[in-house]
């Protein structure tokens, strides 16, 4: 779901991987992903999704 969000909104979003996202929201999303819960990103910011994916790929 996060990759689809980036696929659809990412190309039209300026500075997607440069702008910082809300740290609290990123932390909550990472915790949900790590716990195996079903994560809904429909209302999530594309910047949060980009930040979480970047952190996951860096590990």
C-alpha atoms as a PDB file:
ATOM      1  CA  UNK A   1       0.000   0.000   0.000  1.00  0.00           C
ATOM      2  CA  UNK A   2       2.824   2.416   0.795  1.00  0.00           C
ATOM      3  CA  UNK A   3       4.512   1.686  -2.519  1.00  0.00           C
ATOM      4  CA  UNK A   4       1.246   2.341  -4.346  1.00  0.00           C
ATOM      5  CA  UNK A   5       0.929   5.647  -2.511  1.00  0.00           C
ATOM      6  CA  UNK A   6       4.435   6.603  -3.620  1.00  0.00           C
ATOM      7  CA  UNK A   7       3.747   5.378  -7.153  1.00  0.00           C
ATOM      8  CA  UNK A   8       0.638   7.518  -7.513  1.00  0.00           C
ATOM      9  CA  UNK A   9       1.572  10.653  -5.565  1.00  0.00           C
ATOM     10  CA  UNK A  10       5.358  10.555  -5.534  1.00  0.00           C
ATOM     11  CA  UNK A  11       6.174  11.779  -9.041  1.00  0.00           C
ATOM     12  CA  UNK A  12       4.039  14.892  -8.611  1.00  0.00           C
ATOM     13  CA  UNK A  13       5.330  15.664  -5.103  1.00  0.00           C
ATOM     14  CA  UNK A  14       8.250  18.064  -5.014  1.00  0.00           C
ATOM     15  CA  UNK A  15      11.105  17.126  -2.649  1.00  0.00           C
ATOM     16  CA  UNK A  16       9.482  13.866  -1.571  1.00  0.00           C
ATOM     17  CA  UNK A  17      12.692  12.325  -0.215  1.00  0.00           C
ATOM     18  CA  UNK A  18      14.208  15.614   0.961  1.00  0.00           C
ATOM     19  CA  UNK A  19      11.486  17.096   3.150  1.00  0.00           C
ATOM     20  CA  UNK A  20      11.172  15.791   6.664  1.00  0.00           C
ATOM     21  CA  UNK A  21       8.026  14.042   7.793  1.00  0.00           C
ATOM     22  CA  UNK A  22       6.337  14.142  11.190  1.00  0.00           C
ATOM     23  CA  UNK A  23       8.618  12.060  13.435  1.00  0.00           C
ATOM     24  CA  UNK A  24       5.801  10.866  15.702  1.00  0.00           C
ATOM     25  CA  UNK A  25       3.703   9.687  12.762  1.00  0.00           C
ATOM     26  CA  UNK A  26       6.707   7.930  11.211  1.00  0.00           C
ATOM     27  CA  UNK A  27       7.453   6.159  14.481  1.00  0.00           C
ATOM     28  CA  UNK A  28       3.844   5.007  14.859  1.00  0.00           C
ATOM     29  CA  UNK A  29       3.752   3.712  11.289  1.00  0.00           C
ATOM     30  CA  UNK A  30       7.051   1.840  11.707  1.00  0.00           C
ATOM     31  CA  UNK A  31       5.784   0.237  14.923  1.00  0.00           C
ATOM     32  CA  UNK A  32       2.600  -0.925  13.181  1.00  0.00           C
ATOM     33  CA  UNK A  33       4.608  -2.375  10.309  1.00  0.00           C
ATOM     34  CA  UNK A  34       7.030  -4.143  12.648  1.00  0.00           C
ATOM     35  CA  UNK A  35       4.206  -5.635  14.704  1.00  0.00           C
ATOM     36  CA  UNK A  36       2.614  -7.147  11.607  1.00  0.00           C
ATOM     37  CA  UNK A  37      -0.618  -5.179  11.909  1.00  0.00           C
ATOM     38  CA  UNK A  38      -2.576  -4.326   8.782  1.00  0.00           C
ATOM     39  CA  UNK A  39      -1.607  -0.753   7.967  1.00  0.00           C
ATOM     40  CA  UNK A  40      -3.936   1.632   6.147  1.00  0.00           C
ATOM     41  CA  UNK A  41      -2.087   4.466   4.445  1.00  0.00           C
ATOM     42  CA  UNK A  42      -5.057   5.978   2.625  1.00  0.00           C
ATOM     43  CA  UNK A  43      -5.038   9.201   4.643  1.00  0.00           C
ATOM     44  CA  UNK A  44      -1.301   9.196   5.280  1.00  0.00           C
ATOM     45  CA  UNK A  45       1.069  11.843   4.003  1.00  0.00           C
ATOM     46  CA  UNK A  46       3.256  10.834   1.090  1.00  0.00           C
ATOM     47  CA  UNK A  47       6.196  12.315   3.024  1.00  0.00           C
ATOM     48  CA  UNK A  48       5.599   9.919   5.927  1.00  0.00           C
ATOM     49  CA  UNK A  49       5.444   6.948   3.566  1.00  0.00           C
ATOM     50  CA  UNK A  50       8.649   8.055   1.830  1.00  0.00           C
ATOM     51  CA  UNK A  51      10.468   8.533   5.143  1.00  0.00           C
ATOM     52  CA  UNK A  52       9.439   5.115   6.482  1.00  0.00           C
ATOM     53  CA  UNK A  53      10.415   3.336   3.266  1.00  0.00           C
ATOM     54  CA  UNK A  54      13.763   5.142   3.249  1.00  0.00           C
ATOM     55  CA  UNK A  55      14.487   4.008   6.817  1.00  0.00           C
ATOM     56  CA  UNK A  56      13.494   0.426   5.999  1.00  0.00           C
ATOM     57  CA  UNK A  57      15.716   0.330   2.923  1.00  0.00           C
ATOM     58  CA  UNK A  58      18.645   1.781   4.853  1.00  0.00           C
ATOM     59  CA  UNK A  59      18.607  -1.125   7.304  1.00  0.00           C
END
